[in-house]
N, C-alpha and C. Protein backbone atom coordinates (compact mmCIF):
# COMPACT_ATOMS: atom_id res chain seq x y z
N MET A 1 -4.87 -5.44 6.83
CA MET A 1 -4.53 -5.27 7.84
C MET A 1 -3.42 -6.36 8.03
N LYS A 2 -2.58 -6.42 8.80
CA LYS A 2 -1.31 -7.64 9.18
C LYS A 2 -1.19 -8.00 9.95
N LEU A 3 -0.94 -9.41 9.61
CA LEU A 3 -1.04 -9.86 10.73
C LEU A 3 -0.46 -10.72 11.76
N GLN A 4 0.72 -11.10 12.65
CA GLN A 4 1.59 -10.74 12.68
C GLN A 4 1.26 -12.22 13.94
N VAL A 5 2.01 -13.57 13.75
CA VAL A 5 1.77 -14.62 14.84
C VAL A 5 3.40 -14.80 15.46
N ASP A 6 3.40 -14.50 16.90
CA ASP A 6 4.77 -14.78 17.36
C ASP A 6 4.78 -15.45 19.06
N ALA A 7 5.92 -16.24 18.92
CA ALA A 7 5.38 -16.62 20.84
C ALA A 7 4.43 -16.67 21.13
N GLY A 8 3.77 -16.80 21.23
CA GLY A 8 2.59 -16.65 21.66
C GLY A 8 1.13 -15.60 21.56
N GLN A 9 1.71 -14.51 21.02
CA GLN A 9 0.81 -12.58 20.95
C GLN A 9 0.46 -13.56 19.73
N LEU A 10 -0.05 -13.11 18.87
CA LEU A 10 -1.01 -12.33 18.06
C LEU A 10 -1.39 -11.14 17.47
N ARG A 11 -0.33 -9.96 17.18
CA ARG A 11 -0.60 -8.86 16.69
C ARG A 11 -1.92 -8.86 14.95
N LEU A 12 -2.85 -7.55 15.54
CA LEU A 12 -3.21 -7.07 14.25
C LEU A 12 -2.68 -6.26 13.70
N ARG A 13 -2.91 -5.36 12.76
CA ARG A 13 -2.53 -3.76 12.80
C ARG A 13 -3.19 -3.28 11.53
N LEU A 14 -4.09 -2.48 12.24
CA LEU A 14 -5.19 -1.61 10.79
C LEU A 14 -4.60 -0.67 10.20
N SER A 15 -5.09 -0.25 9.26
CA SER A 15 -4.54 0.71 8.35
C SER A 15 -6.02 2.19 9.39
N GLU A 16 -5.91 3.05 8.45
CA GLU A 16 -6.79 4.39 9.59
C GLU A 16 -8.01 4.00 7.82
N ALA A 17 -7.57 3.76 6.70
CA ALA A 17 -9.09 2.71 6.02
C ALA A 17 -9.85 1.89 6.67
N GLU A 18 -8.95 0.77 7.40
CA GLU A 18 -9.40 -0.21 7.76
C GLU A 18 -10.30 -0.15 8.57
N LEU A 19 -9.86 1.01 9.99
CA LEU A 19 -10.19 1.17 10.65
C LEU A 19 -11.68 2.23 10.68
N ALA A 20 -11.49 2.69 9.85
CA ALA A 20 -12.98 3.72 9.51
C ALA A 20 -13.93 2.80 9.46
N ARG A 21 -13.47 1.64 8.04
CA ARG A 21 -14.07 0.46 7.86
C ARG A 21 -14.74 -0.26 8.97
N LEU A 22 -13.79 -0.41 10.13
CA LEU A 22 -14.19 -1.27 11.15
C LEU A 22 -15.10 -0.49 12.25
N LEU A 23 -15.18 0.93 12.60
CA LEU A 23 -16.13 1.17 13.31
C LEU A 23 -17.28 1.90 12.51
N GLU A 24 -17.39 2.02 11.00
CA GLU A 24 -18.84 2.18 10.48
C GLU A 24 -19.51 1.14 10.43
N GLN A 25 -18.88 0.17 10.27
CA GLN A 25 -19.70 -1.26 9.14
C GLN A 25 -19.57 -2.19 10.33
N GLY A 26 -18.73 -1.61 12.12
CA GLY A 26 -18.71 -2.97 12.88
C GLY A 26 -17.33 -4.56 12.14
N GLU A 27 -17.41 -4.02 11.04
CA GLU A 27 -16.63 -5.44 10.38
C GLU A 27 -15.50 -4.64 9.45
N VAL A 28 -14.73 -5.32 9.75
CA VAL A 28 -13.01 -5.76 8.57
C VAL A 28 -13.27 -7.41 8.33
N THR A 29 -12.76 -7.26 7.15
CA THR A 29 -11.51 -9.18 7.00
C THR A 29 -10.91 -9.09 5.44
N GLN A 30 -10.54 -9.85 5.98
CA GLN A 30 -8.49 -9.78 5.75
C GLN A 30 -8.98 -11.62 4.59
N ALA A 31 -8.61 -11.55 3.24
CA ALA A 31 -8.17 -13.08 3.36
C ALA A 31 -7.19 -12.72 2.02
N LEU A 32 -6.69 -14.03 2.52
CA LEU A 32 -4.94 -14.49 2.32
C LEU A 32 -4.73 -15.68 1.16
N ALA A 33 -4.72 -15.68 -0.03
CA ALA A 33 -4.33 -16.89 -0.35
C ALA A 33 -3.50 -18.12 -0.42
N CYS A 34 -3.43 -19.23 -0.04
CA CYS A 34 -2.60 -19.94 0.64
C CYS A 34 -1.20 -20.54 -0.57
N PRO A 35 -0.37 -20.94 0.04
CA PRO A 35 0.32 -21.17 -0.94
C PRO A 35 -0.35 -22.45 -2.04
N ASP A 36 -1.62 -23.31 -1.45
CA ASP A 36 -1.74 -24.61 -1.65
C ASP A 36 -3.13 -24.22 -2.65
N GLY A 37 -3.66 -22.88 -2.61
CA GLY A 37 -4.85 -22.64 -2.54
C GLY A 37 -5.37 -22.24 -1.93
N ALA A 38 -5.73 -23.00 -1.19
CA ALA A 38 -6.75 -22.57 0.25
C ALA A 38 -6.84 -21.35 0.91
N PRO A 39 -8.21 -20.87 1.07
CA PRO A 39 -7.83 -19.16 1.26
C PRO A 39 -8.40 -19.23 3.16
N ALA A 40 -6.92 -18.15 3.66
CA ALA A 40 -7.19 -18.09 4.48
C ALA A 40 -8.70 -16.55 5.68
N HIS A 41 -8.88 -16.85 5.84
CA HIS A 41 -9.35 -15.33 6.21
C HIS A 41 -9.51 -14.83 7.87
N CYS A 42 -9.36 -13.43 8.58
CA CYS A 42 -9.73 -12.82 9.49
C CYS A 42 -10.29 -12.04 9.88
N ARG A 43 -11.51 -11.95 10.38
CA ARG A 43 -12.29 -11.25 10.69
C ARG A 43 -12.80 -10.29 12.41
N VAL A 44 -12.48 -9.06 12.37
CA VAL A 44 -12.07 -8.10 12.96
C VAL A 44 -13.82 -7.85 13.53
N GLY A 45 -14.43 -7.91 14.68
CA GLY A 45 -15.94 -7.30 14.26
C GLY A 45 -15.91 -6.31 15.74
N LEU A 46 -16.92 -5.83 15.93
CA LEU A 46 -17.20 -4.80 17.16
C LEU A 46 -18.91 -5.76 17.17
N ARG A 47 -18.53 -5.42 18.27
CA ARG A 47 -19.94 -6.05 19.36
C ARG A 47 -20.40 -5.10 20.68
N GLU A 48 -21.68 -5.11 20.68
CA GLU A 48 -22.59 -4.27 22.16
C GLU A 48 -22.76 -5.59 23.66
N ASP A 49 -22.43 -6.90 23.13
CA ASP A 49 -22.79 -7.56 24.00
C ASP A 49 -20.94 -8.07 25.35
N ILE A 50 -20.06 -7.81 24.61
CA ILE A 50 -19.12 -8.25 25.11
C ILE A 50 -18.08 -7.13 25.70
N ASP A 51 -17.47 -7.65 27.17
CA ASP A 51 -17.21 -6.01 27.73
C ASP A 51 -15.13 -5.80 27.37
N GLY A 52 -14.86 -7.73 27.25
CA GLY A 52 -13.47 -7.97 26.40
C GLY A 52 -13.18 -8.16 24.94
N GLY A 53 -12.12 -8.35 24.89
CA GLY A 53 -11.54 -9.34 23.66
C GLY A 53 -12.11 -10.44 23.91
N HIS A 54 -12.29 -10.93 22.54
CA HIS A 54 -12.92 -12.55 21.95
C HIS A 54 -12.25 -13.04 20.52
N CYS A 55 -11.56 -14.39 20.84
CA CYS A 55 -11.48 -15.06 19.54
C CYS A 55 -12.13 -15.78 19.21
N THR A 56 -12.06 -16.18 18.28
CA THR A 56 -12.19 -18.02 18.05
C THR A 56 -12.36 -18.01 16.63
N GLY A 57 -11.86 -19.63 15.95
CA GLY A 57 -11.55 -20.21 15.10
C GLY A 57 -9.88 -20.77 15.09
N ASN A 58 -9.03 -20.53 14.72
CA ASN A 58 -7.18 -20.78 14.15
C ASN A 58 -7.31 -19.65 12.90
N LEU A 59 -5.74 -20.27 12.41
CA LEU A 59 -5.03 -19.59 11.97
C LEU A 59 -5.81 -19.29 10.45
N MET A 60 -6.13 -20.77 10.55
CA MET A 60 -7.36 -19.72 8.76
C MET A 60 -8.27 -19.59 8.53
N ASP A 61 -8.93 -19.51 9.43
CA ASP A 61 -10.57 -19.00 9.56
C ASP A 61 -10.74 -18.14 10.59
N LEU A 62 -10.10 -16.79 11.78
CA LEU A 62 -9.66 -16.36 12.52
C LEU A 62 -10.79 -15.59 13.13
N ARG A 63 -11.78 -15.54 13.92
CA ARG A 63 -12.52 -14.15 13.93
C ARG A 63 -11.95 -14.00 15.56
N VAL A 64 -11.90 -12.23 14.72
CA VAL A 64 -11.27 -11.49 17.05
C VAL A 64 -13.08 -10.49 16.96
N GLU A 65 -13.35 -10.49 18.05
CA GLU A 65 -14.73 -9.81 17.84
C GLU A 65 -14.23 -8.52 19.30
N LEU A 66 -14.22 -7.14 19.56
CA LEU A 66 -13.57 -6.71 20.27
C LEU A 66 -15.05 -5.73 20.52
N PRO A 67 -15.11 -5.59 21.91
CA PRO A 67 -16.31 -4.23 22.71
C PRO A 67 -16.23 -3.08 22.10
N ARG A 68 -17.33 -2.73 21.00
CA ARG A 68 -17.58 -1.68 20.13
C ARG A 68 -17.41 -1.07 20.74
N ALA A 69 -17.66 -0.22 22.29
CA ALA A 69 -17.99 1.10 23.51
C ALA A 69 -16.06 0.93 23.80
N GLY A 70 -15.31 -0.27 24.38
CA GLY A 70 -14.06 0.45 24.49
C GLY A 70 -13.42 0.23 23.32
N PHE A 71 -14.01 -0.23 22.51
CA PHE A 71 -13.30 0.30 21.30
C PHE A 71 -12.93 1.21 20.68
N HIS A 72 -14.08 1.83 20.41
CA HIS A 72 -14.22 3.29 19.39
C HIS A 72 -13.21 4.41 20.54
N ALA A 73 -13.63 4.13 21.91
CA ALA A 73 -13.06 4.98 22.77
C ALA A 73 -10.91 4.80 22.59
N PHE A 74 -11.15 4.15 22.74
CA PHE A 74 -9.72 3.53 22.45
C PHE A 74 -9.42 4.15 20.39
N ALA A 75 -9.91 4.25 20.04
CA ALA A 75 -9.50 4.47 18.51
C ALA A 75 -9.37 5.88 18.92
N ALA A 76 -10.35 6.53 19.41
CA ALA A 76 -10.13 7.74 19.87
C ALA A 76 -9.40 9.16 20.16
N GLU A 77 -8.12 8.28 20.91
CA GLU A 77 -7.12 8.80 20.98
C GLU A 77 -5.97 8.29 20.19
N ARG A 78 -6.42 7.68 19.22
CA ARG A 78 -5.00 8.02 18.47
C ARG A 78 -4.24 9.08 17.60
N PRO A 79 -3.18 9.42 17.59
CA PRO A 79 -2.04 8.04 17.06
C PRO A 79 -1.63 8.61 18.62
N ARG A 80 -2.08 6.55 18.53
CA ARG A 80 -0.70 6.21 19.96
C ARG A 80 -0.22 4.94 19.97
N ARG A 81 0.72 4.52 20.80
CA ARG A 81 2.03 3.48 19.78
C ARG A 81 1.35 2.40 20.92
N ASP A 82 0.53 2.39 22.02
CA ASP A 82 -0.84 0.48 22.46
C ASP A 82 -1.22 0.34 22.01
N GLY A 83 -1.78 -1.31 21.86
CA GLY A 83 -3.22 -1.50 20.89
C GLY A 83 -3.71 -1.68 21.52
N PHE A 84 -5.08 -2.04 21.60
CA PHE A 84 -6.30 -2.49 22.54
C PHE A 84 -5.71 -4.15 22.43
N ALA A 85 -5.62 -4.86 24.24
CA ALA A 85 -5.37 -6.38 23.98
C ALA A 85 -5.79 -6.97 25.02
N PHE A 86 -5.67 -7.31 24.81
CA PHE A 86 -6.65 -8.88 25.36
C PHE A 86 -5.93 -10.43 25.43
N SER A 87 -6.37 -10.83 25.96
CA SER A 87 -6.10 -12.47 25.98
C SER A 87 -6.61 -13.50 25.23
N CYS A 88 -7.05 -14.23 25.04
CA CYS A 88 -7.69 -15.38 24.23
C CYS A 88 -7.27 -16.91 24.44
N GLY A 89 -7.31 -17.47 25.81
CA GLY A 89 -6.60 -18.27 26.60
C GLY A 89 -5.16 -17.72 26.38
N ALA A 90 -4.41 -18.84 26.45
CA ALA A 90 -2.37 -19.00 25.98
C ALA A 90 -2.67 -17.47 25.28
N LEU A 91 -3.61 -17.36 24.23
CA LEU A 91 -2.90 -16.40 23.60
C LEU A 91 -3.03 -14.94 24.05
N ARG A 92 -1.81 -14.06 23.11
CA ARG A 92 -2.45 -12.70 23.82
C ARG A 92 -2.84 -12.02 22.71
N VAL A 93 -3.76 -10.83 22.75
CA VAL A 93 -4.90 -10.97 20.53
C VAL A 93 -3.46 -8.94 21.40
N LEU A 94 -3.58 -8.75 20.03
CA LEU A 94 -3.54 -7.05 20.34
C LEU A 94 -3.02 -6.66 18.84
N VAL A 95 -4.62 -6.08 18.83
CA VAL A 95 -5.01 -4.67 17.94
C VAL A 95 -4.47 -3.30 18.04
N GLU A 96 -3.77 -3.11 16.77
CA GLU A 96 -3.19 -1.52 16.45
C GLU A 96 -3.92 -1.34 15.61
N VAL A 97 -3.50 0.24 15.23
CA VAL A 97 -3.92 0.72 14.08
C VAL A 97 -2.12 1.72 13.65
N ASP A 98 -2.15 1.66 12.32
CA ASP A 98 -0.81 1.67 11.99
C ASP A 98 -0.51 3.25 12.60
N VAL A 99 0.54 3.07 13.47
CA VAL A 99 0.76 4.88 13.75
C VAL A 99 1.05 5.67 12.44
N ARG A 100 1.92 5.03 11.99
CA ARG A 100 2.76 5.59 10.45
C ARG A 100 1.63 6.24 9.63
N ASP A 101 1.08 5.74 9.56
CA ASP A 101 -0.77 5.55 8.60
C ASP A 101 -1.66 6.79 8.86
N SER A 102 -1.86 6.73 10.97
CA SER A 102 -2.37 7.63 11.06
C SER A 102 -1.73 9.11 10.75
N HIS A 103 -0.68 9.42 11.34
CA HIS A 103 -0.12 10.91 10.66
C HIS A 103 -0.20 10.72 9.49
N ARG A 104 0.00 9.91 8.30
CA ARG A 104 -0.10 10.53 7.57
C ARG A 104 -0.62 11.35 6.79
N ALA A 105 -2.35 10.37 7.68
CA ALA A 105 -3.28 10.57 7.49
C ALA A 105 -3.95 12.17 7.32
N ARG A 106 -3.22 12.84 9.35
CA ARG A 106 -3.46 13.76 9.57
C ARG A 106 -2.54 14.80 8.85
N ARG A 107 -1.41 14.73 8.47
CA ARG A 107 -0.34 15.30 7.40
C ARG A 107 -1.53 15.81 6.40
N ALA A 108 -1.85 14.75 5.64
CA ALA A 108 -2.95 14.87 4.35
C ALA A 108 -4.02 15.96 4.49
N ALA A 109 -4.66 15.64 5.86
CA ALA A 109 -5.91 16.29 5.91
C ALA A 109 -5.67 17.58 6.42
N ALA A 110 -4.20 18.33 7.25
CA ALA A 110 -3.89 19.24 7.48
C ALA A 110 -4.59 20.76 6.28
N PRO A 111 -4.47 21.80 6.67
CA PRO A 111 -4.51 22.58 5.61
C PRO A 111 -3.16 23.27 5.60
N PRO A 112 -2.41 23.78 4.31
CA PRO A 112 -1.39 23.66 4.02
C PRO A 112 -0.79 25.17 5.20
N ALA A 113 0.45 24.86 4.75
CA ALA A 113 1.14 25.88 5.87
C ALA A 113 1.33 27.18 5.72
N GLN A 114 0.25 28.64 6.00
CA GLN A 114 0.75 29.97 5.19
C GLN A 114 2.24 30.15 5.39
N ALA A 115 2.82 30.59 4.73
CA ALA A 115 4.55 31.72 4.97
C ALA A 115 3.11 33.01 4.69
N HIS A 116 4.10 33.34 6.41
CA HIS A 116 4.08 35.28 6.26
C HIS A 116 5.10 36.01 6.35
N VAL A 117 4.84 37.31 5.73
CA VAL A 117 5.37 37.99 4.79
C VAL A 117 5.73 39.14 5.91
N ASN A 118 7.23 40.18 5.74
CA ASN A 118 7.14 40.71 7.00
C ASN A 118 7.65 42.42 6.13
């Protein structure tokens, strides 16, 4: 998972493997060792009981919760360039699936092209 913070926006980009784990297990976690040795964590989870996205914590311990049905519908339409977006106070949160990773995964899963002989 890649995290990017920029001018009031938090962008989370998931790989295909992380997306699969999120959809199957309901949660994906990213841990990062900071320069001072303190751990930073970002957890993204799916919940049945919410209609929109929600986030709690801070950049050292961030929890992003997404509505299970809404996020499953979003993920079923990939690859797509937009993200699953919501506001958390003044912060705009955008959860994306890496489009390049989606294309690579689809190409790898596709059967090899057969040559036609005339």
